[in-house]
Each structure stands twice: as structure tokens, then as C-alpha cells.
Amino acid sequence: MNGNLNGTNRMREIVEDLFKIYVSAIDSNTGKIIQNINEKYTLIDKSMISTYLYFKILNNLKIENEDSKTVLMNYLVKQVIYGETGNLSLEISDNSRKELYDEIINKLIIEQFEYKNRILKCLKYNYVQMDNNIYCDLLEFCEKIAEYYILDKFVRRGNQEAKELMAQEKNKFKINKKNLKNKIKEICKAKSETENNAEEVEKSKKAIDENIEKIEKEKLNLLNLILKNKFKNTEYYNLIQVSLKLKDVYRYSTLTSVVPEDVLFHQYSMTLVNMTLADYMIKNGENIDKYELVKKCLFHDFSEYKGNEIVAQIKVYSDETKKMFAEIEEKDEQELKDLLGEDLYIIIKEYKKGKEGYIAEIIDKFTGMMKLWVEAGYMNNYTYIKSVCSVYQERFKKFNDTSRIDDFKDKLFLQKLLKEIFIYIKENLVNLDPRILTRYFTSAEIKSFKRELKSLKKKEII
């Protein structure tokens, strides 16, 4: 990869693409589920809870293969088209028409990504049309459970209308349980027949069949737990509740936002931006484990589930405050270990490690700065101009240590991109409206901002 390709113009094009992707995620996050009784939870929220359940189920079953990874990443990318299409998850009661519905939906999704990719100059959405398989089915199953426990939260907060819907969903679970039992019987029968003719069956097919059986049995187990009111004693339930709490923790809590941004959505948008930028980097020769990067992004802010959205200025104020907040985060992470299990705790705890952690950290900074320009430049929320002082150049100098990306072909690419987005945001905020700027800063401070930008433009990295 050549970070100097067309110089600053190329970097600026990538920055603009990142904005388009982030804004698309915001657009998609406006679509509500169960709209007649819900003013808060969105399609993206349901998708994220489903993603976590899917991930946890496969982790518990010790299943990780290319199909399961591709299905998950494809699912996450697909959610972004809701900004143009709305909710595509309709329940078709006439099964004879479902094939036609699925065909139309698949065509519509492909058309939307063709449109979205036309307006991107450097980055591209990597959506792959896939035939339905056991992992697609598992995600649909997780969506049903996610929606059920979103309804459960409505009920616990006093929404009486949700009780009837919960009862309806529970009845569907009973039907699903019966169907699963029959399906497992068929799998066991087919497995018995296969064992009698083992020499005729390829090993790879046997492995897939074993995964089907494990997944279907775990789905049946979860339905049994829900129907017997024992699901609350599981790590699965804890994972859903932590996810719902992340929905209630809002970022930039010291600022009045036109578009409020909660931590659950932040983890989605950061994952989406990561995947598209990672595809670009991989295409240009970098050795990145994209799925490892996705895992880190999905779980990186889980320790904020208790409402500890720590303001950066306080956190990095001194060595003493850094130590204090590190201890707070460590305590919260330890509690997550008890709630979610060792496997997820390790991802949360070690998300900054390795080259994928380096990329995830940088893109976390990208999306944090993008929010400032979305509010001020897109939504005309000029109060975000005062945040220009919080985008500290010093905070990003830690990325000058590239030891985590020693095997990168172009070790400066991400640093140059970080510098470019920093300049882009700060320059736009400083120049947006001089009258507003003087209400928050003195003339000397404004001159200092401009000198800082002029100096930074001459440097290769921050």
C-alpha cells in the first residue's frame, strides 16, 4: 500500500468515504422495531444484540470456521442499508410466497450496495450474497430472542402493551421448540445412516453435520430455558442485559446532541467503518485478520455498561487520573468476567493488543472525531464547535509507536490518515462560523488553533 498515493488528496478521499459510511450508519439507526409501542430501540440495536448472542453461542460450542465468520460480517454490513430501505424483516405467513419475497429482498439489497458503492471513491462495502445456511438460520433465531428481551425491558419499565406481544412471541417459541425437536430427530437419523456408510461421506461434510446438530441442540436448550423461566440464570441472559445497558449509556454526555449516540450504536458504527477500511488495506497488501478486528470493535466498550462513559479530558488529565480510571475500568471488566464468562472477558480486556488492536484504537478516534463534524457540519449544531479544544493533538501521539504493526508494508498509512482526519475536523470547526467561535474562545486561542493546523500540515504524522 502506498500512503502517499496522490498525497493528501487520496487521504482526503478516504476521510470523506469514512464520513459517508458513518453517516449511513446513523441513517440506518433511525429505523425502529415494534414501532407501534416503541420510541427507542432500533433495528441496529436488535441486530447488535443478535450478533452478541450468535457470537456467544458459537464460542460456547467451540465452532469457528470461515462460513460462520463470513455470515456474521455479512450480516453486520447488511444492516447499513436500513437507511434507504427500512425494515426488511417481515414475517411471511404464506410460506408458498416466501421464496418470491426472499428473491426480491436479495435483489434489493444488492441494488442498494451498488448505489452505496458508487458514491464511495476509495473504500467499498464488501457485501456478499449468500445462500441460506445453518449460520444464517442461527442469526435469525438470535433475532427472535433479542426482540423478545427488548419487549421484556418494555414490560419492566411499565409498558403494558408489550405484555401481550411477549405472550405471542412465547407461543411462537413453543411452536419453534416442537419444530426443533423434529429437526434434531431427523439429523440424528441421517447421522446414523451416514455412520453405516462412512466411507461414502467426505470428512468435511461430516464436520458440517456435527455443527448442525450442536447448533440445533443449543437452540432447543435456549428455548427450553426461556419457556421454563430459567434463562435468567445464564451468561446469555447477562449478555443481553449488558447490551441493553450499553443502549442506555450515551456518549458526549456533556454536549447537547441533535443525534444522540449510545455506546451500543458506537460499537456498531465503529465495526462497520473498521471492516470497510480493513478491506481497503487488505486489498493493498496489508496482513490483517479482519474477523479479529471485528471482535475487538464489537466488544471494546463493554466496560462502560454501568454508565461510566468517562470524559477524555478528565481521564487523561494527569498520570494520577489515568491510574484512577484504569482501576475503575479494571473493576468493571472483572465484573463482566463473572457475568459473561472468560471468553468474552479476554476479548474486552485485551482489545488493544496486537496490530488489530492498534487499528481498532485508531478507528475509535476516527469515529469520535466524526461525531463532532456530523453535529456541527451536517446538523448545524454549532455548540459542538466548543469541542474543538477537546480534540487534543497530544492524545494521538501514542500512535507514533508502531511496534504493534511491525509487519505492515506501510506503517505510516494509519498515522497519516489519523493526522488528515484531525486536520479535517479541526479546520472545519474553526472555519465554520467565526461569530460562533468567538463565543467560546478568545482571539488568542483561535490564532493558536490556526497555528497548530498550519504546523501540523507540514509534518508527516501527528
Protein backbone atom coordinates (compact mmCIF):
# COMPACT_ATOMS: atom_id res chain seq x y z
CA MET A 1 0.00 0.00 0.00
CA ASN A 2 1.23 3.48 -0.74
CA GLY A 3 0.01 6.01 1.78
CA ASN A 4 1.42 8.75 -0.46
CA LEU A 5 -0.67 7.73 -3.47
CA ASN A 6 -1.91 11.09 -4.80
CA GLY A 7 -0.72 12.55 -1.48
CA THR A 8 -3.14 14.50 0.69
CA ASN A 9 -5.92 14.27 -1.90
CA ARG A 10 -6.01 10.48 -1.61
CA MET A 11 -6.15 10.65 2.18
CA ARG A 12 -8.88 13.27 1.99
CA GLU A 13 -10.93 10.99 -0.27
CA ILE A 14 -10.61 8.15 2.27
CA VAL A 15 -11.66 10.52 5.05
CA GLU A 16 -14.73 11.56 3.05
CA ASP A 17 -15.58 7.89 2.43
CA LEU A 18 -15.32 7.20 6.16
CA PHE A 19 -17.80 10.02 6.76
CA LYS A 20 -20.23 8.64 4.19
CA ILE A 21 -20.10 5.23 5.86
CA TYR A 22 -20.55 6.69 9.35
CA VAL A 23 -23.47 8.88 8.24
CA SER A 24 -25.10 5.85 6.56
CA ALA A 25 -24.86 4.01 9.87
CA ILE A 26 -26.56 6.96 11.61
CA ASP A 27 -29.33 6.95 8.99
CA SER A 28 -29.89 3.22 9.47
CA ASN A 29 -30.06 3.62 13.24
CA THR A 30 -33.29 5.65 12.94
CA GLY A 31 -35.42 2.62 11.99
CA LYS A 32 -37.42 1.41 14.98
CA ILE A 33 -38.58 -2.11 15.76
CA ILE A 34 -42.14 -2.81 17.02
CA GLN A 35 -42.95 0.77 16.04
CA ASN A 36 -46.49 0.88 17.44
CA ILE A 37 -45.21 0.69 21.04
CA ASN A 38 -41.53 1.63 20.76
CA GLU A 39 -39.86 5.04 20.54
CA LYS A 40 -36.34 3.97 21.38
CA TYR A 41 -34.99 0.61 20.25
CA THR A 42 -33.82 0.41 16.66
CA LEU A 43 -33.14 -2.25 14.07
CA ILE A 44 -29.42 -1.76 14.69
CA ASP A 45 -29.93 -2.37 18.42
CA LYS A 46 -31.70 -5.65 17.72
CA SER A 47 -29.00 -6.62 15.24
CA MET A 48 -26.23 -5.92 17.73
CA ILE A 49 -27.87 -7.98 20.49
CA SER A 50 -28.38 -10.76 17.93
CA THR A 51 -24.71 -10.52 16.95
CA TYR A 52 -23.56 -10.91 20.55
CA LEU A 53 -25.84 -13.92 21.10
CA TYR A 54 -24.63 -15.52 17.86
CA PHE A 55 -21.02 -14.96 18.85
CA LYS A 56 -21.53 -16.36 22.35
CA ILE A 57 -23.39 -19.46 21.13
CA LEU A 58 -20.66 -20.36 18.65
CA ASN A 59 -17.96 -19.65 21.24
CA ASN A 60 -19.66 -21.95 23.75
CA LEU A 61 -19.99 -24.66 21.11
CA LYS A 62 -16.35 -24.12 20.05
CA ILE A 63 -17.39 -23.52 16.44
CA GLU A 64 -15.31 -21.10 14.39
CA ASN A 65 -14.92 -21.52 10.66
CA GLU A 66 -14.90 -19.33 7.57
CA ASP A 67 -18.62 -19.79 6.93
CA SER A 68 -19.60 -18.70 10.45
CA LYS A 69 -17.29 -15.65 10.23
CA THR A 70 -18.44 -14.61 6.77
CA VAL A 71 -22.12 -14.86 7.73
CA LEU A 72 -21.59 -12.62 10.76
CA MET A 73 -19.56 -9.97 8.91
CA ASN A 74 -22.03 -10.04 6.01
CA TYR A 75 -24.91 -9.60 8.47
CA LEU A 76 -23.28 -6.57 10.07
CA VAL A 77 -22.64 -4.90 6.71
CA LYS A 78 -26.20 -5.58 5.56
CA GLN A 79 -27.71 -3.60 8.44
CA VAL A 80 -26.45 -0.33 6.95
CA ILE A 81 -28.97 -0.39 4.07
CA TYR A 82 -31.86 0.22 6.50
CA GLY A 83 -31.26 3.94 5.96
CA GLU A 84 -32.55 3.52 2.41
CA THR A 85 -34.92 0.55 2.72
CA GLY A 86 -36.34 0.44 6.23
CA ASN A 87 -37.02 -2.87 7.98
CA LEU A 88 -36.72 -5.87 5.66
CA SER A 89 -37.50 -8.45 8.35
CA LEU A 90 -41.15 -9.06 7.58
CA GLU A 91 -42.96 -12.22 8.66
CA ILE A 92 -44.45 -14.01 5.66
CA SER A 93 -47.42 -16.08 6.85
CA ASP A 94 -47.93 -17.74 3.45
CA ASN A 95 -44.87 -19.98 3.09
CA SER A 96 -45.59 -20.51 -0.60
CA ARG A 97 -44.75 -16.82 -1.17
CA LYS A 98 -41.60 -16.74 0.96
CA GLU A 99 -39.32 -17.79 -1.90
CA LEU A 100 -40.54 -14.85 -4.01
CA TYR A 101 -40.13 -12.46 -1.06
CA ASP A 102 -36.57 -13.66 -0.40
CA GLU A 103 -35.70 -13.26 -4.08
CA ILE A 104 -36.95 -9.67 -4.13
CA ILE A 105 -35.15 -8.82 -0.89
CA ASN A 106 -31.84 -10.22 -2.17
CA LYS A 107 -32.11 -8.18 -5.37
CA LEU A 108 -33.00 -5.04 -3.41
CA ILE A 109 -30.01 -5.47 -1.08
CA ILE A 110 -27.59 -5.90 -3.99
CA GLU A 111 -29.03 -2.81 -5.73
CA GLN A 112 -28.61 -0.74 -2.57
CA PHE A 113 -24.98 -1.73 -2.18
CA GLU A 114 -24.31 -0.98 -5.83
CA TYR A 115 -25.70 2.51 -5.22
CA LYS A 116 -23.79 3.00 -1.98
CA ASN A 117 -20.51 1.87 -3.53
CA ARG A 118 -20.94 4.26 -6.46
CA ILE A 119 -20.69 7.25 -4.14
CA LEU A 120 -17.53 5.94 -2.40
CA LYS A 121 -14.22 6.85 -4.04
CA CYS A 122 -11.70 4.57 -2.29
CA LEU A 123 -13.49 2.33 0.19
CA LYS A 124 -16.21 -0.20 -0.68
CA TYR A 125 -18.86 -2.14 1.20
CA ASN A 126 -17.97 -5.82 0.89
CA TYR A 127 -21.42 -7.41 0.91
CA VAL A 128 -21.63 -10.98 -0.38
CA GLN A 129 -24.93 -12.54 -1.43
CA MET A 130 -25.05 -15.92 0.28
CA ASP A 131 -27.30 -18.94 0.13
CA ASN A 132 -29.10 -19.63 3.39
CA ASN A 133 -27.15 -21.94 5.72
CA ILE A 134 -27.06 -23.03 9.37
CA TYR A 135 -25.33 -19.82 10.45
CA CYS A 136 -27.88 -17.59 8.70
CA ASP A 137 -30.60 -19.60 10.45
CA LEU A 138 -28.82 -19.15 13.77
CA LEU A 139 -28.73 -15.37 13.34
CA GLU A 140 -32.47 -15.32 12.59
CA PHE A 141 -33.03 -17.39 15.75
CA CYS A 142 -30.93 -14.89 17.75
CA GLU A 143 -33.02 -12.02 16.35
CA LYS A 144 -36.18 -13.60 17.77
CA ILE A 145 -34.62 -13.87 21.23
CA ALA A 146 -33.20 -10.34 21.01
CA GLU A 147 -36.60 -8.88 20.18
CA TYR A 148 -38.24 -10.92 22.96
CA TYR A 149 -35.92 -9.44 25.60
CA ILE A 150 -36.28 -5.94 24.22
CA LEU A 151 -40.02 -6.45 24.82
CA ASP A 152 -39.18 -7.75 28.28
CA LYS A 153 -37.43 -4.47 29.04
CA PHE A 154 -40.52 -2.56 27.86
CA VAL A 155 -42.61 -4.56 30.33
CA ARG A 156 -40.17 -3.98 33.20
CA ARG A 157 -40.36 -0.25 32.50
CA GLY A 158 -44.15 -0.28 32.69
CA ASN A 159 -45.22 -0.73 29.06
CA GLN A 160 -48.38 -2.81 29.47
CA GLU A 161 -48.92 -3.20 25.70
CA ALA A 162 -45.70 -5.19 25.46
CA LYS A 163 -47.08 -7.97 27.70
CA GLU A 164 -49.46 -9.21 25.02
CA LEU A 165 -46.71 -9.21 22.39
CA MET A 166 -44.41 -11.13 24.73
CA ALA A 167 -47.10 -13.77 25.22
CA GLN A 168 -47.47 -14.08 21.44
CA GLU A 169 -43.72 -14.49 21.00
CA LYS A 170 -43.62 -17.11 23.74
CA ASN A 171 -46.25 -19.11 21.89
CA LYS A 172 -44.09 -18.94 18.77
CA PHE A 173 -41.18 -20.25 20.84
CA LYS A 174 -43.32 -23.28 21.78
CA ILE A 175 -44.00 -23.98 18.10
CA ASN A 176 -40.33 -23.45 17.28
CA LYS A 177 -39.35 -25.85 20.05
CA LYS A 178 -41.56 -28.56 18.58
CA ASN A 179 -40.08 -27.99 15.11
CA LEU A 180 -36.55 -28.11 16.53
CA LYS A 181 -37.23 -31.43 18.24
CA ASN A 182 -38.39 -32.93 14.95
CA LYS A 183 -35.42 -31.46 13.13
CA ILE A 184 -32.96 -32.92 15.63
CA LYS A 185 -34.61 -36.34 15.27
CA GLU A 186 -34.10 -36.11 11.50
CA ILE A 187 -30.46 -35.07 11.97
CA CYS A 188 -29.80 -37.98 14.34
CA LYS A 189 -31.45 -40.40 11.92
CA ALA A 190 -29.40 -39.08 8.99
CA LYS A 191 -26.27 -39.24 11.13
CA SER A 192 -26.95 -42.89 11.97
CA GLU A 193 -27.38 -43.71 8.28
CA THR A 194 -24.18 -41.83 7.46
CA GLU A 195 -22.20 -43.81 10.05
CA ASN A 196 -23.28 -47.03 8.33
CA ASN A 197 -21.84 -45.70 5.06
CA ALA A 198 -18.94 -43.65 6.42
CA GLU A 199 -16.62 -44.43 3.53
CA GLU A 200 -19.04 -42.69 1.13
CA VAL A 201 -19.12 -39.42 3.03
CA GLU A 202 -16.41 -36.78 2.91
CA LYS A 203 -14.90 -35.68 6.23
CA SER A 204 -15.76 -32.05 5.61
CA LYS A 205 -19.45 -32.88 5.23
CA LYS A 206 -19.41 -34.90 8.44
CA ALA A 207 -17.91 -31.92 10.28
CA ILE A 208 -20.64 -29.63 8.95
CA ASP A 209 -23.30 -32.14 10.01
CA GLU A 210 -21.84 -32.24 13.51
CA ASN A 211 -22.06 -28.44 13.70
CA ILE A 212 -25.70 -28.53 12.59
CA GLU A 213 -26.55 -30.98 15.34
CA LYS A 214 -24.70 -28.98 18.00
CA ILE A 215 -26.32 -25.70 16.95
CA GLU A 216 -29.86 -27.11 16.76
CA LYS A 217 -29.48 -28.73 20.19
CA GLU A 218 -28.23 -25.47 21.70
CA LYS A 219 -31.16 -23.58 20.15
CA LEU A 220 -33.52 -26.12 21.71
CA ASN A 221 -31.73 -25.74 25.03
CA LEU A 222 -32.18 -21.95 24.96
CA LEU A 223 -35.88 -22.23 24.12
CA ASN A 224 -36.36 -24.68 26.99
CA LEU A 225 -34.66 -22.26 29.38
CA ILE A 226 -36.82 -19.36 28.22
CA LEU A 227 -40.08 -21.34 28.36
CA LYS A 228 -39.22 -22.68 31.85
CA ASN A 229 -38.22 -19.19 33.08
CA LYS A 230 -34.64 -20.34 33.75
CA PHE A 231 -32.92 -18.27 31.08
CA LYS A 232 -32.08 -15.54 33.61
CA ASN A 233 -29.53 -17.85 35.23
CA THR A 234 -27.36 -17.95 32.10
CA GLU A 235 -24.47 -15.96 30.64
CA TYR A 236 -26.64 -15.50 27.55
CA TYR A 237 -29.19 -13.53 29.56
CA ASN A 238 -26.42 -11.48 31.21
CA LEU A 239 -25.01 -10.67 27.78
CA ILE A 240 -28.39 -9.38 26.58
CA GLN A 241 -28.82 -7.26 29.72
CA VAL A 242 -25.34 -5.74 29.40
CA SER A 243 -26.10 -4.94 25.75
CA LEU A 244 -29.36 -3.25 26.74
CA LYS A 245 -27.50 -1.20 29.34
CA LEU A 246 -25.00 -0.07 26.70
CA LYS A 247 -28.00 1.25 24.77
CA ASP A 248 -28.76 3.45 27.79
CA VAL A 249 -25.23 4.90 28.05
CA TYR A 250 -24.88 7.99 25.86
CA ARG A 251 -21.59 9.29 24.56
CA TYR A 252 -20.67 13.01 24.56
CA SER A 253 -22.87 13.38 27.62
CA THR A 254 -21.54 16.89 28.28
CA LEU A 255 -22.84 18.11 24.90
CA THR A 256 -26.34 18.71 23.58
CA SER A 257 -26.65 16.45 20.55
CA VAL A 258 -29.10 16.64 17.67
CA VAL A 259 -28.39 12.95 17.07
CA PRO A 260 -27.77 11.21 20.42
CA GLU A 261 -25.24 8.41 20.20
CA ASP A 262 -25.29 5.49 22.61
CA VAL A 263 -22.45 3.04 23.20
CA LEU A 264 -24.25 0.13 21.53
CA PHE A 265 -24.56 2.11 18.29
CA HIS A 266 -21.00 3.38 18.61
CA GLN A 267 -19.75 -0.20 18.66
CA TYR A 268 -21.77 -0.93 15.52
CA SER A 269 -20.62 2.13 13.56
CA MET A 270 -17.01 1.58 14.60
CA THR A 271 -17.21 -2.05 13.45
CA LEU A 272 -18.68 -1.04 10.08
CA VAL A 273 -16.01 1.62 9.47
CA ASN A 274 -13.33 -0.87 10.54
CA MET A 275 -14.49 -3.53 8.10
CA THR A 276 -14.56 -1.22 5.09
CA LEU A 277 -11.18 0.32 5.87
CA ALA A 278 -9.69 -3.12 6.60
CA ASP A 279 -10.91 -4.37 3.19
CA TYR A 280 -9.10 -1.46 1.56
CA MET A 281 -5.90 -2.15 3.47
CA ILE A 282 -6.02 -5.91 2.77
CA LYS A 283 -6.61 -5.22 -0.92
CA ASN A 284 -3.49 -3.07 -0.87
CA GLY A 285 -1.31 -5.79 0.64
CA GLU A 286 -1.60 -5.49 4.42
CA ASN A 287 -1.81 -8.66 6.52
CA ILE A 288 -4.85 -8.14 8.76
CA ASP A 289 -7.14 -10.64 10.47
CA LYS A 290 -10.42 -8.91 9.65
CA TYR A 291 -12.51 -11.13 11.93
CA GLU A 292 -10.18 -10.49 14.86
CA LEU A 293 -10.60 -6.78 14.20
CA VAL A 294 -14.39 -7.15 14.14
CA LYS A 295 -14.36 -8.96 17.51
CA LYS A 296 -12.32 -6.18 19.10
CA CYS A 297 -14.65 -3.47 17.79
CA LEU A 298 -17.83 -5.26 18.84
CA PHE A 299 -16.73 -5.60 22.46
CA HIS A 300 -14.26 -2.74 23.02
CA ASP A 301 -16.52 -0.52 25.16
CA PHE A 302 -18.36 -3.19 27.14
CA SER A 303 -16.82 -1.96 30.39
CA GLU A 304 -18.97 1.21 30.06
CA TYR A 305 -22.18 -0.79 30.67
CA LYS A 306 -22.53 0.68 34.19
CA GLY A 307 -22.76 4.20 32.82
CA ASN A 308 -19.06 5.02 33.12
CA GLU A 309 -18.72 6.97 29.87
CA ILE A 310 -15.53 8.65 31.05
CA VAL A 311 -14.88 12.12 29.66
CA ALA A 312 -11.48 12.04 27.95
CA GLN A 313 -10.31 15.40 29.31
CA ILE A 314 -10.67 14.09 32.87
CA LYS A 315 -9.31 10.65 32.11
CA VAL A 316 -6.04 11.93 30.62
CA TYR A 317 -5.71 15.00 32.84
CA SER A 318 -2.70 13.63 34.71
CA ASP A 319 -0.86 10.41 35.46
CA GLU A 320 -2.90 10.15 38.65
CA THR A 321 -6.26 10.39 36.85
CA LYS A 322 -5.09 7.87 34.23
CA LYS A 323 -4.27 5.42 37.00
CA MET A 324 -7.55 6.07 38.83
CA PHE A 325 -9.73 5.48 35.76
CA ALA A 326 -7.70 2.44 34.75
CA GLU A 327 -8.59 0.97 38.16
CA ILE A 328 -12.30 1.80 37.64
CA GLU A 329 -12.26 0.13 34.22
CA GLU A 330 -10.42 -2.89 35.62
CA LYS A 331 -13.09 -3.33 38.32
CA ASP A 332 -15.91 -3.10 35.77
CA GLU A 333 -14.14 -5.55 33.47
CA GLN A 334 -13.74 -8.06 36.33
CA GLU A 335 -17.46 -7.89 36.97
CA LEU A 336 -18.04 -8.57 33.28
CA LYS A 337 -15.92 -11.71 33.63
CA ASP A 338 -18.38 -13.05 36.20
CA LEU A 339 -21.38 -12.06 34.08
CA LEU A 340 -20.27 -13.08 30.60
CA GLY A 341 -17.60 -15.72 31.05
CA GLU A 342 -13.86 -15.94 30.47
CA ASP A 343 -14.05 -16.00 26.66
CA LEU A 344 -15.72 -12.61 26.26
CA TYR A 345 -13.79 -11.11 29.17
CA ILE A 346 -10.50 -11.79 27.37
CA ILE A 347 -11.71 -10.01 24.22
CA ILE A 348 -12.84 -6.98 26.26
CA LYS A 349 -9.69 -6.90 28.38
CA GLU A 350 -7.19 -7.36 25.56
CA TYR A 351 -8.84 -5.45 22.75
CA LYS A 352 -5.90 -3.04 22.37
CA LYS A 353 -3.33 -5.79 21.88
CA GLY A 354 -1.70 -6.60 18.55
CA LYS A 355 -1.98 -4.92 15.18
CA GLU A 356 -5.75 -5.38 15.06
CA GLY A 357 -5.92 -3.60 18.42
CA TYR A 358 -3.81 -0.76 17.02
CA ILE A 359 -6.20 -0.36 14.07
CA ALA A 360 -9.27 -0.58 16.33
CA GLU A 361 -7.90 2.14 18.62
CA ILE A 362 -7.17 4.49 15.74
CA ILE A 363 -10.60 3.98 14.20
CA ASP A 364 -12.16 4.56 17.62
CA LYS A 365 -10.54 8.01 17.45
CA PHE A 366 -11.82 8.45 13.87
CA THR A 367 -15.43 7.88 14.83
CA GLY A 368 -15.11 10.08 17.91
CA MET A 369 -13.98 12.99 15.75
CA MET A 370 -16.50 12.24 13.01
CA LYS A 371 -19.29 12.84 15.51
CA LEU A 372 -18.09 16.43 16.03
CA TRP A 373 -18.38 17.24 12.33
CA VAL A 374 -21.68 15.37 11.89
CA GLU A 375 -23.24 17.56 14.59
CA ALA A 376 -21.68 20.89 13.56
CA GLY A 377 -21.35 20.44 9.80
CA TYR A 378 -24.32 18.21 8.96
CA MET A 379 -26.85 19.09 11.67
CA ASN A 380 -25.91 22.77 12.16
CA ASN A 381 -25.46 22.11 15.86
CA TYR A 382 -22.87 24.81 16.43
CA THR A 383 -22.49 24.04 20.14
CA TYR A 384 -20.10 21.27 19.02
CA ILE A 385 -17.65 23.98 17.92
CA LYS A 386 -16.57 24.21 21.55
CA SER A 387 -15.30 20.62 21.24
CA VAL A 388 -12.50 21.84 19.02
CA CYS A 389 -10.42 22.27 22.17
CA SER A 390 -11.01 18.68 23.24
CA VAL A 391 -9.51 17.12 20.10
CA TYR A 392 -6.05 17.16 21.59
CA GLN A 393 -3.20 16.53 19.23
CA GLU A 394 -1.20 15.15 22.17
CA ARG A 395 -3.71 12.34 22.75
CA PHE A 396 -2.85 10.79 19.41
CA LYS A 397 0.93 10.85 19.65
CA LYS A 398 0.90 7.42 21.27
CA PHE A 399 0.23 6.02 17.80
CA ASN A 400 3.70 7.12 16.74
CA ASP A 401 4.84 3.90 18.43
CA THR A 402 4.27 1.42 15.59
CA SER A 403 5.70 -1.65 17.33
CA ARG A 404 2.32 -3.38 17.12
CA ILE A 405 2.29 -3.14 13.33
CA ASP A 406 5.86 -4.19 12.59
CA ASP A 407 4.78 -6.44 9.71
CA PHE A 408 2.81 -3.71 7.89
CA LYS A 409 4.08 -2.78 4.45
CA ASP A 410 3.15 0.86 5.00
CA LYS A 411 3.48 1.56 8.72
CA LEU A 412 2.76 5.28 8.21
CA PHE A 413 -0.58 4.85 6.43
CA LEU A 414 -2.82 4.84 9.52
CA GLN A 415 -0.83 7.61 11.21
CA LYS A 416 -1.15 9.81 8.12
CA LEU A 417 -4.85 9.06 7.95
CA LEU A 418 -5.27 9.96 11.62
CA LYS A 419 -3.44 13.24 11.01
CA GLU A 420 -5.62 14.01 7.99
CA ILE A 421 -8.89 13.42 9.81
CA PHE A 422 -7.65 15.51 12.75
CA ILE A 423 -6.86 18.40 10.38
CA TYR A 424 -10.13 17.92 8.50
CA ILE A 425 -12.27 18.13 11.65
CA LYS A 426 -10.42 20.88 13.43
CA GLU A 427 -10.11 23.04 10.32
CA ASN A 428 -13.81 22.71 9.56
CA LEU A 429 -14.81 23.52 13.14
CA VAL A 430 -12.50 26.55 13.29
CA ASN A 431 -13.73 27.91 9.94
CA LEU A 432 -17.42 27.02 10.21
CA ASP A 433 -18.68 30.28 11.73
CA PRO A 434 -16.24 32.87 13.16
CA ARG A 435 -19.04 34.54 15.17
CA ILE A 436 -19.87 31.31 17.00
CA LEU A 437 -16.19 30.52 17.52
CA THR A 438 -15.63 33.82 19.37
CA ARG A 439 -18.40 32.93 21.82
CA TYR A 440 -16.35 30.00 23.06
CA PHE A 441 -12.71 31.10 22.53
CA THR A 442 -10.59 34.21 22.79
CA SER A 443 -8.84 35.71 19.76
CA ALA A 444 -5.52 34.40 21.09
CA GLU A 445 -6.90 30.85 21.34
CA ILE A 446 -8.31 30.98 17.83
CA LYS A 447 -4.94 32.14 16.47
CA SER A 448 -3.31 29.29 18.37
CA PHE A 449 -5.66 26.76 16.70
CA LYS A 450 -4.73 28.10 13.27
CA ARG A 451 -1.00 28.00 14.04
CA GLU A 452 -1.39 24.41 15.23
CA LEU A 453 -3.08 23.44 11.96
CA LYS A 454 -0.50 25.23 9.83
CA SER A 455 2.32 23.47 11.68
CA LEU A 456 0.66 20.05 11.50
CA LYS A 457 0.15 20.26 7.74
CA LYS A 458 3.93 20.46 7.31
CA LYS A 459 4.50 17.27 9.34
CA GLU A 460 4.24 13.72 8.07
CA ILE A 461 2.37 12.45 11.14
CA ILE A 462 0.88 13.91 14.33
